[in-house]
Amino acid sequence: MSNRSPCPVINSSSFWTGQPPVYGVCPGVESNGSIKSLPQVKTNASRKELLDYFDNSWTLTEVLFDGLINEEAYYCRPYHKLRHPMIFYYGHPAVLYINKLRVAGFIERGINPELEQLFETGVD
């Protein structure tokens, strides 16, 4: 049985927008290829701990979406009646990160105002 996704786009190395789920590359990836969440960071965490936590959480998000069967699955409303198509749930965490970085004063502007407005909506 193959461990590759049935979606050719996802099998492409260009699918991973952050760290690929590879041992020694992404924090939390084990030598057997499994990935686990890192413990939540404390307020006095180092820059490396924060970056490792971010890389791990974003890779977990992408691994979750790797399970979608094809590109259409991102855009069609799911049969289980989620409020939004799956693409929303992919973009929402990224926009949340951007908004938090802006509020904390680490960045002055976002990246794409139209996408940020689209994906910032609360998740029910």
PDB file of N, CA and C in Angstrom:
ATOM      1  N   MET A   1       0.838  -1.181   0.000  1.00  0.00           N
ATOM      2  CA  MET A   1       0.000   0.000   0.000  1.00  0.00           C
ATOM      3  C   MET A   1       0.880   1.240   0.000  1.00  0.00           C
ATOM      4  N   SER A   2       0.583   2.175  -0.858  1.00  0.00           N
ATOM      5  CA  SER A   2       1.381   3.391  -0.988  1.00  0.00           C
ATOM      6  C   SER A   2       1.006   4.383   0.100  1.00  0.00           C
ATOM      7  N   ASN A   3       1.996   5.138   0.573  1.00  0.00           N
ATOM      8  CA  ASN A   3       1.705   6.186   1.547  1.00  0.00           C
ATOM      9  C   ASN A   3       1.578   7.532   0.854  1.00  0.00           C
ATOM     10  N   ARG A   4       1.502   7.529  -0.461  1.00  0.00           N
ATOM     11  CA  ARG A   4       1.359   8.761  -1.219  1.00  0.00           C
ATOM     12  C   ARG A   4      -0.112   9.133  -1.344  1.00  0.00           C
ATOM     13  N   SER A   5      -0.366  10.426  -1.371  1.00  0.00           N
ATOM     14  CA  SER A   5      -1.723  10.908  -1.552  1.00  0.00           C
ATOM     15  C   SER A   5      -2.199  10.602  -2.967  1.00  0.00           C
ATOM     16  N   PRO A   6      -3.500  10.340  -3.160  1.00  0.00           N
ATOM     17  CA  PRO A   6      -4.020  10.114  -4.504  1.00  0.00           C
ATOM     18  C   PRO A   6      -4.057  11.385  -5.346  1.00  0.00           C
ATOM     19  N   CYS A   7      -3.853  12.539  -4.753  1.00  0.00           N
ATOM     20  CA  CYS A   7      -3.906  13.805  -5.480  1.00  0.00           C
ATOM     21  C   CYS A   7      -2.518  14.155  -6.018  1.00  0.00           C
ATOM     22  N   PRO A   8      -2.345  14.270  -7.366  1.00  0.00           N
ATOM     23  CA  PRO A   8      -1.017  14.535  -7.916  1.00  0.00           C
ATOM     24  C   PRO A   8      -0.434  15.868  -7.475  1.00  0.00           C
ATOM     25  N   VAL A   9      -1.272  16.873  -7.221  1.00  0.00           N
ATOM     26  CA  VAL A   9      -0.763  18.163  -6.760  1.00  0.00           C
ATOM     27  C   VAL A   9      -0.094  18.008  -5.404  1.00  0.00           C
ATOM     28  N   ILE A  10      -0.708  17.241  -4.523  1.00  0.00           N
ATOM     29  CA  ILE A  10      -0.194  17.059  -3.176  1.00  0.00           C
ATOM     30  C   ILE A  10       1.092  16.245  -3.187  1.00  0.00           C
ATOM     31  N   ASN A  11       1.229  15.320  -4.120  1.00  0.00           N
ATOM     32  CA  ASN A  11       2.449  14.530  -4.202  1.00  0.00           C
ATOM     33  C   ASN A  11       3.633  15.353  -4.685  1.00  0.00           C
ATOM     34  N   SER A  12       3.373  16.525  -5.218  1.00  0.00           N
ATOM     35  CA  SER A  12       4.433  17.398  -5.696  1.00  0.00           C
ATOM     36  C   SER A  12       5.160  18.021  -4.512  1.00  0.00           C
ATOM     37  N   SER A  13       6.469  18.187  -4.642  1.00  0.00           N
ATOM     38  CA  SER A  13       7.223  18.832  -3.562  1.00  0.00           C
ATOM     39  C   SER A  13       6.793  20.279  -3.385  1.00  0.00           C
ATOM     40  N   SER A  14       6.141  20.862  -4.386  1.00  0.00           N
ATOM     41  CA  SER A  14       5.687  22.247  -4.268  1.00  0.00           C
ATOM     42  C   SER A  14       4.425  22.372  -3.421  1.00  0.00           C
ATOM     43  N   PHE A  15       3.819  21.245  -3.007  1.00  0.00           N
ATOM     44  CA  PHE A  15       2.623  21.309  -2.158  1.00  0.00           C
ATOM     45  C   PHE A  15       2.939  21.905  -0.800  1.00  0.00           C
ATOM     46  N   TRP A  16       4.081  21.577  -0.241  1.00  0.00           N
ATOM     47  CA  TRP A  16       4.407  21.987   1.126  1.00  0.00           C
ATOM     48  C   TRP A  16       4.810  23.454   1.146  1.00  0.00           C
ATOM     49  N   THR A  17       4.009  24.289   1.801  1.00  0.00           N
ATOM     50  CA  THR A  17       4.323  25.714   1.877  1.00  0.00           C
ATOM     51  C   THR A  17       5.252  26.018   3.043  1.00  0.00           C
ATOM     52  N   GLY A  18       5.377  25.092   3.959  1.00  0.00           N
ATOM     53  CA  GLY A  18       6.299  25.221   5.090  1.00  0.00           C
ATOM     54  C   GLY A  18       7.298  24.081   5.038  1.00  0.00           C
ATOM     55  N   GLN A  19       7.635  23.563   6.197  1.00  0.00           N
ATOM     56  CA  GLN A  19       8.567  22.438   6.267  1.00  0.00           C
ATOM     57  C   GLN A  19       7.861  21.155   5.835  1.00  0.00           C
ATOM     58  N   PRO A  20       8.473  20.357   4.966  1.00  0.00           N
ATOM     59  CA  PRO A  20       7.859  19.072   4.620  1.00  0.00           C
ATOM     60  C   PRO A  20       7.933  18.126   5.814  1.00  0.00           C
ATOM     61  N   PRO A  21       7.018  17.179   5.917  1.00  0.00           N
ATOM     62  CA  PRO A  21       7.019  16.262   7.061  1.00  0.00           C
ATOM     63  C   PRO A  21       8.115  15.199   6.924  1.00  0.00           C
ATOM     64  N   VAL A  22       9.346  15.645   7.091  1.00  0.00           N
ATOM     65  CA  VAL A  22      10.517  14.793   6.924  1.00  0.00           C
ATOM     66  C   VAL A  22      11.325  14.811   8.219  1.00  0.00           C
ATOM     67  N   TYR A  23      11.737  13.641   8.667  1.00  0.00           N
ATOM     68  CA  TYR A  23      12.559  13.511   9.879  1.00  0.00           C
ATOM     69  C   TYR A  23      13.834  14.331   9.717  1.00  0.00           C
ATOM     70  N   GLY A  24      14.158  15.107  10.721  1.00  0.00           N
ATOM     71  CA  GLY A  24      15.351  15.938  10.693  1.00  0.00           C
ATOM     72  C   GLY A  24      15.145  17.282  10.025  1.00  0.00           C
ATOM     73  N   VAL A  25      14.001  17.470   9.375  1.00  0.00           N
ATOM     74  CA  VAL A  25      13.691  18.739   8.720  1.00  0.00           C
ATOM     75  C   VAL A  25      12.621  19.483   9.511  1.00  0.00           C
ATOM     76  N   CYS A  26      11.536  18.792   9.825  1.00  0.00           N
ATOM     77  CA  CYS A  26      10.425  19.408  10.554  1.00  0.00           C
ATOM     78  C   CYS A  26      10.389  18.904  11.986  1.00  0.00           C
ATOM     79  N   PRO A  27      10.338  19.807  12.952  1.00  0.00           N
ATOM     80  CA  PRO A  27      10.221  19.387  14.352  1.00  0.00           C
ATOM     81  C   PRO A  27       8.964  18.550  14.570  1.00  0.00           C
ATOM     82  N   GLY A  28       9.100  17.486  15.346  1.00  0.00           N
ATOM     83  CA  GLY A  28       7.970  16.626  15.672  1.00  0.00           C
ATOM     84  C   GLY A  28       7.829  15.423  14.763  1.00  0.00           C
ATOM     85  N   VAL A  29       8.603  15.363  13.675  1.00  0.00           N
ATOM     86  CA  VAL A  29       8.548  14.208  12.780  1.00  0.00           C
ATOM     87  C   VAL A  29       9.529  13.164  13.298  1.00  0.00           C
ATOM     88  N   GLU A  30       9.023  11.965  13.511  1.00  0.00           N
ATOM     89  CA  GLU A  30       9.834  10.865  14.047  1.00  0.00           C
ATOM     90  C   GLU A  30      10.574  10.143  12.918  1.00  0.00           C
ATOM     91  N   SER A  31      11.551   9.336  13.270  1.00  0.00           N
ATOM     92  CA  SER A  31      12.338   8.603  12.273  1.00  0.00           C
ATOM     93  C   SER A  31      11.491   7.604  11.485  1.00  0.00           C
ATOM     94  N   ASN A  32      10.358   7.181  12.048  1.00  0.00           N
ATOM     95  CA  ASN A  32       9.471   6.253  11.328  1.00  0.00           C
ATOM     96  C   ASN A  32       8.487   6.985  10.409  1.00  0.00           C
ATOM     97  N   GLY A  33       8.588   8.319  10.336  1.00  0.00           N
ATOM     98  CA  GLY A  33       7.734   9.111   9.459  1.00  0.00           C
ATOM     99  C   GLY A  33       6.487   9.654  10.112  1.00  0.00           C
ATOM    100  N   SER A  34       6.188   9.232  11.342  1.00  0.00           N
ATOM    101  CA  SER A  34       5.008   9.768  12.028  1.00  0.00           C
ATOM    102  C   SER A  34       5.312  11.191  12.500  1.00  0.00           C
ATOM    103  N   ILE A  35       4.260  11.950  12.709  1.00  0.00           N
ATOM    104  CA  ILE A  35       4.421  13.325  13.185  1.00  0.00           C
ATOM    105  C   ILE A  35       3.520  13.524  14.390  1.00  0.00           C
ATOM    106  N   LYS A  36       4.026  14.242  15.380  1.00  0.00           N
ATOM    107  CA  LYS A  36       3.247  14.521  16.588  1.00  0.00           C
ATOM    108  C   LYS A  36       3.324  16.010  16.892  1.00  0.00           C
ATOM    109  N   SER A  37       2.342  16.487  17.619  1.00  0.00           N
ATOM    110  CA  SER A  37       2.336  17.886  18.038  1.00  0.00           C
ATOM    111  C   SER A  37       3.410  18.126  19.077  1.00  0.00           C
ATOM    112  N   LEU A  38       4.070  19.264  18.977  1.00  0.00           N
ATOM    113  CA  LEU A  38       5.000  19.664  20.025  1.00  0.00           C
ATOM    114  C   LEU A  38       4.194  20.244  21.184  1.00  0.00           C
ATOM    115  N   PRO A  39       4.730  20.204  22.397  1.00  0.00           N
ATOM    116  CA  PRO A  39       4.027  20.821  23.527  1.00  0.00           C
ATOM    117  C   PRO A  39       3.868  22.323  23.286  1.00  0.00           C
ATOM    118  N   GLN A  40       2.777  22.877  23.784  1.00  0.00           N
ATOM    119  CA  GLN A  40       2.551  24.312  23.636  1.00  0.00           C
ATOM    120  C   GLN A  40       3.700  25.073  24.278  1.00  0.00           C
ATOM    121  N   VAL A  41       4.155  26.125  23.601  1.00  0.00           N
ATOM    122  CA  VAL A  41       5.291  26.889  24.109  1.00  0.00           C
ATOM    123  C   VAL A  41       4.855  27.808  25.246  1.00  0.00           C
ATOM    124  N   LYS A  42       5.800  28.122  26.106  1.00  0.00           N
ATOM    125  CA  LYS A  42       5.565  29.027  27.232  1.00  0.00           C
ATOM    126  C   LYS A  42       5.837  30.464  26.794  1.00  0.00           C
ATOM    127  N   THR A  43       5.438  31.410  27.608  1.00  0.00           N
ATOM    128  CA  THR A  43       5.623  32.817  27.260  1.00  0.00           C
ATOM    129  C   THR A  43       7.093  33.225  27.215  1.00  0.00           C
ATOM    130  N   ASN A  44       7.958  32.465  27.863  1.00  0.00           N
ATOM    131  CA  ASN A  44       9.385  32.801  27.844  1.00  0.00           C
ATOM    132  C   ASN A  44      10.158  31.924  26.854  1.00  0.00           C
ATOM    133  N   ALA A  45       9.481  31.387  25.866  1.00  0.00           N
ATOM    134  CA  ALA A  45      10.115  30.493  24.888  1.00  0.00           C
ATOM    135  C   ALA A  45      11.155  31.242  24.063  1.00  0.00           C
ATOM    136  N   SER A  46      12.149  30.499  23.625  1.00  0.00           N
ATOM    137  CA  SER A  46      13.183  31.078  22.765  1.00  0.00           C
ATOM    138  C   SER A  46      12.638  31.227  21.343  1.00  0.00           C
ATOM    139  N   ARG A  47      13.349  31.996  20.547  1.00  0.00           N
ATOM    140  CA  ARG A  47      12.974  32.175  19.143  1.00  0.00           C
ATOM    141  C   ARG A  47      12.918  30.816  18.432  1.00  0.00           C
ATOM    142  N   LYS A  48      13.904  29.949  18.694  1.00  0.00           N
ATOM    143  CA  LYS A  48      13.946  28.623  18.071  1.00  0.00           C
ATOM    144  C   LYS A  48      12.743  27.787  18.498  1.00  0.00           C
ATOM    145  N   GLU A  49      12.382  27.828  19.779  1.00  0.00           N
ATOM    146  CA  GLU A  49      11.219  27.066  20.251  1.00  0.00           C
ATOM    147  C   GLU A  49       9.937  27.545  19.571  1.00  0.00           C
ATOM    148  N   LEU A  50       9.800  28.864  19.417  1.00  0.00           N
ATOM    149  CA  LEU A  50       8.620  29.418  18.745  1.00  0.00           C
ATOM    150  C   LEU A  50       8.581  29.005  17.274  1.00  0.00           C
ATOM    151  N   LEU A  51       9.731  29.078  16.606  1.00  0.00           N
ATOM    152  CA  LEU A  51       9.785  28.690  15.199  1.00  0.00           C
ATOM    153  C   LEU A  51       9.509  27.197  15.030  1.00  0.00           C
ATOM    154  N   ASP A  52      10.074  26.371  15.911  1.00  0.00           N
ATOM    155  CA  ASP A  52       9.812  24.928  15.853  1.00  0.00           C
ATOM    156  C   ASP A  52       8.326  24.644  16.046  1.00  0.00           C
ATOM    157  N   TYR A  53       7.700  25.342  16.996  1.00  0.00           N
ATOM    158  CA  TYR A  53       6.274  25.146  17.261  1.00  0.00           C
ATOM    159  C   TYR A  53       5.441  25.544  16.038  1.00  0.00           C
ATOM    160  N   PHE A  54       5.791  26.693  15.449  1.00  0.00           N
ATOM    161  CA  PHE A  54       5.079  27.144  14.250  1.00  0.00           C
ATOM    162  C   PHE A  54       5.250  26.140  13.112  1.00  0.00           C
ATOM    163  N   ASP A  55       6.502  25.747  12.837  1.00  0.00           N
ATOM    164  CA  ASP A  55       6.755  24.794  11.750  1.00  0.00           C
ATOM    165  C   ASP A  55       5.990  23.492  11.970  1.00  0.00           C
ATOM    166  N   ASN A  56       5.991  23.000  13.194  1.00  0.00           N
ATOM    167  CA  ASN A  56       5.292  21.760  13.513  1.00  0.00           C
ATOM    168  C   ASN A  56       3.786  21.909  13.304  1.00  0.00           C
ATOM    169  N   SER A  57       3.207  22.994  13.823  1.00  0.00           N
ATOM    170  CA  SER A  57       1.754  23.149  13.718  1.00  0.00           C
ATOM    171  C   SER A  57       1.322  23.371  12.271  1.00  0.00           C
ATOM    172  N   TRP A  58       2.122  24.108  11.501  1.00  0.00           N
ATOM    173  CA  TRP A  58       1.742  24.330  10.106  1.00  0.00           C
ATOM    174  C   TRP A  58       1.893  23.041   9.296  1.00  0.00           C
ATOM    175  N   THR A  59       2.942  22.279   9.546  1.00  0.00           N
ATOM    176  CA  THR A  59       3.113  21.007   8.839  1.00  0.00           C
ATOM    177  C   THR A  59       1.979  20.052   9.186  1.00  0.00           C
ATOM    178  N   LEU A  60       1.547  20.024  10.448  1.00  0.00           N
ATOM    179  CA  LEU A  60       0.398  19.188  10.821  1.00  0.00           C
ATOM    180  C   LEU A  60      -0.850  19.598  10.041  1.00  0.00           C
ATOM    181  N   THR A  61      -1.041  20.906   9.857  1.00  0.00           N
ATOM    182  CA  THR A  61      -2.174  21.391   9.070  1.00  0.00           C
ATOM    183  C   THR A  61      -2.080  20.870   7.643  1.00  0.00           C
ATOM    184  N   GLU A  62      -0.894  20.980   7.053  1.00  0.00           N
ATOM    185  CA  GLU A  62      -0.738  20.532   5.670  1.00  0.00           C
ATOM    186  C   GLU A  62      -0.863  19.013   5.541  1.00  0.00           C
ATOM    187  N   VAL A  63      -0.385  18.278   6.532  1.00  0.00           N
ATOM    188  CA  VAL A  63      -0.541  16.817   6.509  1.00  0.00           C
ATOM    189  C   VAL A  63      -2.025  16.454   6.562  1.00  0.00           C
ATOM    190  N   LEU A  64      -2.787  17.173   7.369  1.00  0.00           N
ATOM    191  CA  LEU A  64      -4.229  16.941   7.440  1.00  0.00           C
ATOM    192  C   LEU A  64      -4.872  17.125   6.066  1.00  0.00           C
ATOM    193  N   PHE A  65      -4.517  18.212   5.391  1.00  0.00           N
ATOM    194  CA  PHE A  65      -5.108  18.482   4.081  1.00  0.00           C
ATOM    195  C   PHE A  65      -4.547  17.579   2.989  1.00  0.00           C
ATOM    196  N   ASP A  66      -3.423  16.951   3.239  1.00  0.00           N
ATOM    197  CA  ASP A  66      -2.861  15.972   2.309  1.00  0.00           C
ATOM    198  C   ASP A  66      -3.823  14.800   2.118  1.00  0.00           C
ATOM    199  N   GLY A  67      -4.714  14.595   3.068  1.00  0.00           N
ATOM    200  CA  GLY A  67      -5.670  13.493   2.988  1.00  0.00           C
ATOM    201  C   GLY A  67      -6.829  13.738   2.037  1.00  0.00           C
ATOM    202  N   LEU A  68      -6.971  14.951   1.527  1.00  0.00           N
ATOM    203  CA  LEU A  68      -8.051  15.211   0.577  1.00  0.00           C
ATOM    204  C   LEU A  68      -7.754  14.496  -0.734  1.00  0.00           C
ATOM    205  N   ILE A  69      -8.771  13.975  -1.346  1.00  0.00           N
ATOM    206  CA  ILE A  69      -8.624  13.085  -2.497  1.00  0.00           C
ATOM    207  C   ILE A  69      -8.178  13.804  -3.767  1.00  0.00           C
ATOM    208  N   ASN A  70      -8.597  15.060  -3.953  1.00  0.00           N
ATOM    209  CA  ASN A  70      -8.232  15.800  -5.165  1.00  0.00           C
ATOM    210  C   ASN A  70      -8.443  17.290  -4.927  1.00  0.00           C
ATOM    211  N   GLU A  71      -8.088  18.100  -5.917  1.00  0.00           N
ATOM    212  CA  GLU A  71      -8.224  19.548  -5.772  1.00  0.00           C
ATOM    213  C   GLU A  71      -9.672  19.974  -5.573  1.00  0.00           C
ATOM    214  N   GLU A  72     -10.597  19.299  -6.212  1.00  0.00           N
ATOM    215  CA  GLU A  72     -12.013  19.642  -6.095  1.00  0.00           C
ATOM    216  C   GLU A  72     -12.475  19.593  -4.636  1.00  0.00           C
ATOM    217  N   ALA A  73     -11.900  18.708  -3.859  1.00  0.00           N
ATOM    218  CA  ALA A  73     -12.285  18.567  -2.451  1.00  0.00           C
ATOM    219  C   ALA A  73     -12.017  19.842  -1.656  1.00  0.00           C
ATOM    220  N   TYR A  74     -11.100  20.668  -2.113  1.00  0.00           N
ATOM    221  CA  TYR A  74     -10.821  21.936  -1.435  1.00  0.00           C
ATOM    222  C   TYR A  74     -11.945  22.947  -1.641  1.00  0.00           C
ATOM    223  N   TYR A  75     -12.617  22.890  -2.780  1.00  0.00           N
ATOM    224  CA  TYR A  75     -13.531  23.956  -3.172  1.00  0.00           C
ATOM    225  C   TYR A  75     -15.010  23.613  -3.073  1.00  0.00           C
ATOM    226  N   CYS A  76     -15.358  22.367  -3.059  1.00  0.00           N
ATOM    227  CA  CYS A  76     -16.766  21.964  -2.959  1.00  0.00           C
ATOM    228  C   CYS A  76     -17.187  21.893  -1.497  1.00  0.00           C
ATOM    229  N   ARG A  77     -18.422  22.295  -1.251  1.00  0.00           N
ATOM    230  CA  ARG A  77     -18.937  22.185   0.109  1.00  0.00           C
ATOM    231  C   ARG A  77     -18.992  20.708   0.478  1.00  0.00           C
ATOM    232  N   PRO A  78     -18.423  20.344   1.629  1.00  0.00           N
ATOM    233  CA  PRO A  78     -18.378  18.927   2.006  1.00  0.00           C
ATOM    234  C   PRO A  78     -19.763  18.351   2.283  1.00  0.00           C
ATOM    235  N   TYR A  79     -19.880  17.062   2.085  1.00  0.00           N
ATOM    236  CA  TYR A  79     -21.154  16.377   2.302  1.00  0.00           C
ATOM    237  C   TYR A  79     -21.581  16.422   3.766  1.00  0.00           C
ATOM    238  N   HIS A  80     -20.635  16.601   4.678  1.00  0.00           N
ATOM    239  CA  HIS A  80     -20.963  16.585   6.104  1.00  0.00           C
ATOM    240  C   HIS A  80     -21.369  17.961   6.618  1.00  0.00           C
ATOM    241  N   LYS A  81     -21.639  18.877   5.713  1.00  0.00           N
ATOM    242  CA  LYS A  81     -22.276  20.159   6.023  1.00  0.00           C
ATOM    243  C   LYS A  81     -21.436  21.110   6.874  1.00  0.00           C
ATOM    244  N   LEU A  82     -20.108  21.087   6.725  1.00  0.00           N
ATOM    245  CA  LEU A  82     -19.311  22.134   7.361  1.00  0.00           C
ATOM    246  C   LEU A  82     -19.772  23.467   6.799  1.00  0.00           C
ATOM    247  N   ARG A  83     -19.550  24.515   7.535  1.00  0.00           N
ATOM    248  CA  ARG A  83     -20.036  25.813   7.117  1.00  0.00           C
ATOM    249  C   ARG A  83     -19.367  26.301   5.831  1.00  0.00           C
ATOM    250  N   HIS A  84     -18.092  25.976   5.654  1.00  0.00           N
ATOM    251  CA  HIS A  84     -17.319  26.473   4.516  1.00  0.00           C
ATOM    252  C   HIS A  84     -16.683  25.314   3.751  1.00  0.00           C
ATOM    253  N   PRO A  85     -16.314  25.557   2.490  1.00  0.00           N
ATOM    254  CA  PRO A  85     -15.491  24.566   1.789  1.00  0.00           C
ATOM    255  C   PRO A  85     -14.150  24.401   2.517  1.00  0.00           C
ATOM    256  N   MET A  86     -13.472  23.299   2.286  1.00  0.00           N
ATOM    257  CA  MET A  86     -12.237  22.987   3.013  1.00  0.00           C
ATOM    258  C   MET A  86     -11.135  24.017   2.803  1.00  0.00           C
ATOM    259  N   ILE A  87     -11.115  24.702   1.659  1.00  0.00           N
ATOM    260  CA  ILE A  87     -10.075  25.703   1.408  1.00  0.00           C
ATOM    261  C   ILE A  87     -10.100  26.780   2.491  1.00  0.00           C
ATOM    262  N   PHE A  88     -11.291  27.078   3.020  1.00  0.00           N
ATOM    263  CA  PHE A  88     -11.380  28.057   4.101  1.00  0.00           C
ATOM    264  C   PHE A  88     -10.597  27.584   5.324  1.00  0.00           C
ATOM    265  N   TYR A  89     -10.739  26.336   5.672  1.00  0.00           N
ATOM    266  CA  TYR A  89     -10.086  25.804   6.869  1.00  0.00           C
ATOM    267  C   TYR A  89      -8.578  25.655   6.675  1.00  0.00           C
ATOM    268  N   TYR A  90      -8.139  25.667   5.420  1.00  0.00           N
ATOM    269  CA  TYR A  90      -6.705  25.675   5.123  1.00  0.00           C
ATOM    270  C   TYR A  90      -6.149  27.093   5.280  1.00  0.00           C
ATOM    271  N   GLY A  91      -6.871  28.086   4.778  1.00  0.00           N
ATOM    272  CA  GLY A  91      -6.393  29.469   4.814  1.00  0.00           C
ATOM    273  C   GLY A  91      -6.588  30.164   6.144  1.00  0.00           C
ATOM    274  N   HIS A  92      -7.568  29.745   6.917  1.00  0.00           N
ATOM    275  CA  HIS A  92      -7.896  30.422   8.177  1.00  0.00           C
ATOM    276  C   HIS A  92      -6.731  30.463   9.174  1.00  0.00           C
ATOM    277  N   PRO A  93      -6.034  29.360   9.451  1.00  0.00           N
ATOM    278  CA  PRO A  93      -4.927  29.436  10.422  1.00  0.00           C
ATOM    279  C   PRO A  93      -3.811  30.382   9.975  1.00  0.00           C
ATOM    280  N   ALA A  94      -3.529  30.420   8.668  1.00  0.00           N
ATOM    281  CA  ALA A  94      -2.479  31.316   8.173  1.00  0.00           C
ATOM    282  C   ALA A  94      -2.861  32.771   8.420  1.00  0.00           C
ATOM    283  N   VAL A  95      -4.114  33.114   8.163  1.00  0.00           N
ATOM    284  CA  VAL A  95      -4.582  34.481   8.392  1.00  0.00           C
ATOM    285  C   VAL A  95      -4.595  34.793   9.888  1.00  0.00           C
ATOM    286  N   LEU A  96      -4.935  33.822  10.700  1.00  0.00           N
ATOM    287  CA  LEU A  96      -4.887  34.016  12.148  1.00  0.00           C
ATOM    288  C   LEU A  96      -3.462  34.363  12.586  1.00  0.00           C
ATOM    289  N   TYR A  97      -2.470  33.647  12.062  1.00  0.00           N
ATOM    290  CA  TYR A  97      -1.067  33.961  12.372  1.00  0.00           C
ATOM    291  C   TYR A  97      -0.728  35.393  11.954  1.00  0.00           C
ATOM    292  N   ILE A  98      -1.129  35.785  10.749  1.00  0.00           N
ATOM    293  CA  ILE A  98      -0.841  37.137  10.258  1.00  0.00           C
ATOM    294  C   ILE A  98      -1.462  38.176  11.178  1.00  0.00           C
ATOM    295  N   ASN A  99      -2.733  37.997  11.539  1.00  0.00           N
ATOM    296  CA  ASN A  99      -3.410  38.960  12.408  1.00  0.00           C
ATOM    297  C   ASN A  99      -2.750  39.056  13.778  1.00  0.00           C
ATOM    298  N   LYS A 100      -2.353  37.924  14.352  1.00  0.00           N
ATOM    299  CA  LYS A 100      -1.696  37.938  15.666  1.00  0.00           C
ATOM    300  C   LYS A 100      -0.342  38.633  15.592  1.00  0.00           C
ATOM    301  N   LEU A 101       0.417  38.394  14.522  1.00  0.00           N
ATOM    302  CA  LEU A 101       1.713  39.063  14.355  1.00  0.00           C
ATOM    303  C   LEU A 101       1.534  40.570  14.199  1.00  0.00           C
ATOM    304  N   ARG A 102       0.473  40.984  13.514  1.00  0.00           N
ATOM    305  CA  ARG A 102       0.197  42.412  13.346  1.00  0.00           C
ATOM    306  C   ARG A 102      -0.199  43.045  14.681  1.00  0.00           C
ATOM    307  N   VAL A 103      -1.092  42.407  15.424  1.00  0.00           N
ATOM    308  CA  VAL A 103      -1.535  42.926  16.726  1.00  0.00           C
ATOM    309  C   VAL A 103      -0.362  43.028  17.702  1.00  0.00           C
ATOM    310  N   ALA A 104       0.549  42.053  17.650  1.00  0.00           N
ATOM    311  CA  ALA A 104       1.710  42.048  18.547  1.00  0.00           C
ATOM    312  C   ALA A 104       2.779  43.046  18.113  1.00  0.00           C
ATOM    313  N   GLY A 105       2.618  43.652  16.938  1.00  0.00           N
ATOM    314  CA  GLY A 105       3.581  44.636  16.471  1.00  0.00           C
ATOM    315  C   GLY A 105       4.798  44.057  15.765  1.00  0.00           C
ATOM    316  N   PHE A 106       4.758  42.774  15.415  1.00  0.00           N
ATOM    317  CA  PHE A 106       5.892  42.155  14.729  1.00  0.00           C
ATOM    318  C   PHE A 106       5.892  42.451  13.233  1.00  0.00           C
ATOM    319  N   ILE A 107       4.711  42.693  12.674  1.00  0.00           N
ATOM    320  CA  ILE A 107       4.612  43.107  11.277  1.00  0.00           C
ATOM    321  C   ILE A 107       3.662  44.290  11.205  1.00  0.00           C
ATOM    322  N   GLU A 108       3.873  45.167  10.217  1.00  0.00           N
ATOM    323  CA  GLU A 108       3.024  46.348  10.075  1.00  0.00           C
ATOM    324  C   GLU A 108       1.826  46.092   9.171  1.00  0.00           C
ATOM    325  N   ARG A 109       2.060  45.289   8.119  1.00  0.00           N
ATOM    326  CA  ARG A 109       1.003  45.031   7.138  1.00  0.00           C
ATOM    327  C   ARG A 109       0.834  43.533   6.957  1.00  0.00           C
ATOM    328  N   GLY A 110      -0.316  43.177   6.444  1.00  0.00           N
ATOM    329  CA  GLY A 110      -0.546  41.787   6.088  1.00  0.00           C
ATOM    330  C   GLY A 110       0.116  41.467   4.758  1.00  0.00           C
ATOM    331  N   ILE A 111      -0.296  40.381   4.156  1.00  0.00           N
ATOM    332  CA  ILE A 111       0.307  39.938   2.900  1.00  0.00           C
ATOM    333  C   ILE A 111      -0.631  40.181   1.726  1.00  0.00           C
ATOM    334  N   ASN A 112      -1.910  39.843   1.906  1.00  0.00           N
ATOM    335  CA  ASN A 112      -2.899  40.001   0.852  1.00  0.00           C
ATOM    336  C   ASN A 112      -4.234  40.352   1.507  1.00  0.00           C
ATOM    337  N   PRO A 113      -4.604  41.644   1.507  1.00  0.00           N
ATOM    338  CA  PRO A 113      -5.817  42.075   2.217  1.00  0.00           C
ATOM    339  C   PRO A 113      -7.093  41.337   1.796  1.00  0.00           C
ATOM    340  N   GLU A 114      -7.235  41.037   0.513  1.00  0.00           N
ATOM    341  CA  GLU A 114      -8.451  40.352   0.056  1.00  0.00           C
ATOM    342  C   GLU A 114      -8.547  38.942   0.633  1.00  0.00           C
ATOM    343  N   LEU A 115      -7.441  38.195   0.580  1.00  0.00           N
ATOM    344  CA  LEU A 115      -7.459  36.838   1.138  1.00  0.00           C
ATOM    345  C   LEU A 115      -7.609  36.868   2.657  1.00  0.00           C
ATOM    346  N   GLU A 116      -6.975  37.841   3.290  1.00  0.00           N
ATOM    347  CA  GLU A 116      -7.088  37.940   4.749  1.00  0.00           C
ATOM    348  C   GLU A 116      -8.524  38.208   5.163  1.00  0.00           C
ATOM    349  N   GLN A 117      -9.217  39.067   4.438  1.00  0.00           N
ATOM    350  CA  GLN A 117     -10.620  39.333   4.760  1.00  0.00           C
ATOM    351  C   GLN A 117     -11.472  38.086   4.519  1.00  0.00           C
ATOM    352  N   LEU A 118     -11.196  37.378   3.453  1.00  0.00           N
ATOM    353  CA  LEU A 118     -11.952  36.167   3.128  1.00  0.00           C
ATOM    354  C   LEU A 118     -11.786  35.087   4.196  1.00  0.00           C
ATOM    355  N   PHE A 119     -10.555  34.893   4.678  1.00  0.00           N
ATOM    356  CA  PHE A 119     -10.258  33.783   5.587  1.00  0.00           C
ATOM    357  C   PHE A 119     -10.291  34.149   7.072  1.00  0.00           C
ATOM    358  N   GLU A 120     -10.496  35.442   7.407  1.00  0.00           N
ATOM    359  CA  GLU A 120     -10.473  35.812   8.822  1.00  0.00           C
ATOM    360  C   GLU A 120     -11.787  35.533   9.541  1.00  0.00           C
ATOM    361  N   THR A 121     -12.823  35.247   8.810  1.00  0.00           N
ATOM    362  CA  THR A 121     -14.129  34.958   9.397  1.00  0.00           C
ATOM    363  C   THR A 121     -14.001  33.886  10.470  1.00  0.00           C
ATOM    364  N   GLY A 122     -14.752  34.027  11.551  1.00  0.00           N
ATOM    365  CA  GLY A 122     -14.707  33.042  12.623  1.00  0.00           C
ATOM    366  C   GLY A 122     -15.185  31.673  12.178  1.00  0.00           C
ATOM    367  N   VAL A 123     -14.651  30.658  12.791  1.00  0.00           N
ATOM    368  CA  VAL A 123     -15.051  29.280  12.506  1.00  0.00           C
ATOM    369  C   VAL A 123     -16.084  28.878  13.539  1.00  0.00           C
ATOM    370  N   ASP A 124     -17.239  28.411  13.077  1.00  0.00           N
ATOM    371  CA  ASP A 124     -18.285  27.963  14.011  1.00  0.00           C
ATOM    372  C   ASP A 124     -18.047  26.533  14.420  1.00  0.00           C
TER     373      ASP A 124
END
